[in-house]
Amino acid sequence: MRGRVTARRLIVRILGVLAMSILVNPVALAAGPVNVLYAGSLVNLMEHDIGPAFNKATGYTFQGFAGGSGLLANQIKGKLRHGDVFISASPKVNASLKGSANGDWLSWYIGFAQSPLVIGYNPNSRFAAEFKSRPWHEVLMEPGIRIGRTDPKLDPKGALTLELMKNAETRYNMPGLSQKILGAPDNPAQVLPEETLVGRLQSGQLDVGFFYSTETSDVKIPAIALPADITPKASYTVTILHNAANPSGAEQFLTFLLGPDGQNLMKEHGLAVQKLAVNGETSSMPASVRALVEKAK
């Protein structure tokens, strides 16, 4: 009998300690993976800083997957890839996931940062010195130069590259400049998966590529800043996908990403943090996320 009483007292004591731990540290309740599908241009930010810091601060486990924003949206719609959070490099991509015809995957999103398009080059390329002494568009027309860019159908950066070149044609009064430099929009000699572009440039497979400034800043790639009047920008947005497997974890991730700690990390990676801008039904946003948006007004 005495053994049973002692065992009961031990169980009660353990439960009491657990209860006190949860009261003192609510994060103790947090658990499970948070699947974040994000634009490939943010891979260093997400994997090296945001993810680990989020894990430490909340007790959840960040699980990220990087890719072209358009490609990720297509995979979400086709139920080929499942996520709790979706981060896009273009608000236009989100439209493909809104409405019943598109599966009602999201009803709102928040714009939080920007990054302009730049031209990054390999410092060991035989064309590297020319970027310091000649106009960038002239160097890109040199015979034999190896150019890398992303697919304009699958990645906003690829579409912005085409936009940049069309703007350059007007600015420099050079009709046909885009065709001379890029060839066809889907030119297989240039179009590469977003997640491989930086590596190919660094390894010497490419002489030059079109990137966002945050990418070249992250890995110390020399870059040419383009004239502001012709340069398009990535506009990063974030949302929680409908039917998220871990909605509470997704809410915590957005609260961290858009809060002061997340914003400081973004600035360290060269992102231009902007005033939070909501598009869509704010009534369906989690309360903590809505509070952040209201505070930012």
Foldseek 3Di string as FASTA:
>chain_A
DVVVVVVVVVVVVVVVVVVVCCVVPVLVPDEEEAEEEEELLCVCLCPPPLQVVLCVVRVYHYDYDYFALQQVLVCVLVVVDAGFKYKHQAPVSVVCCPDVVSPRFDFKKKWWWKFWKWKFFQCPDPLNVVVVPDPPLVSLLDPPAQEAEAQVNRHVQLVQVLQLQVLVCVVVVPPPSCCSRPNDSPPVSHHDIPNCVVVCRHVPVHGMYMGTPLNCQQVVTDIGDDDPVRIDMGTMMMDTTPPHPCNVSSLSSLLCCRDPNNVVSCVVSPIGTDQMDMDGDPVPRDPSNSVSNVVSD
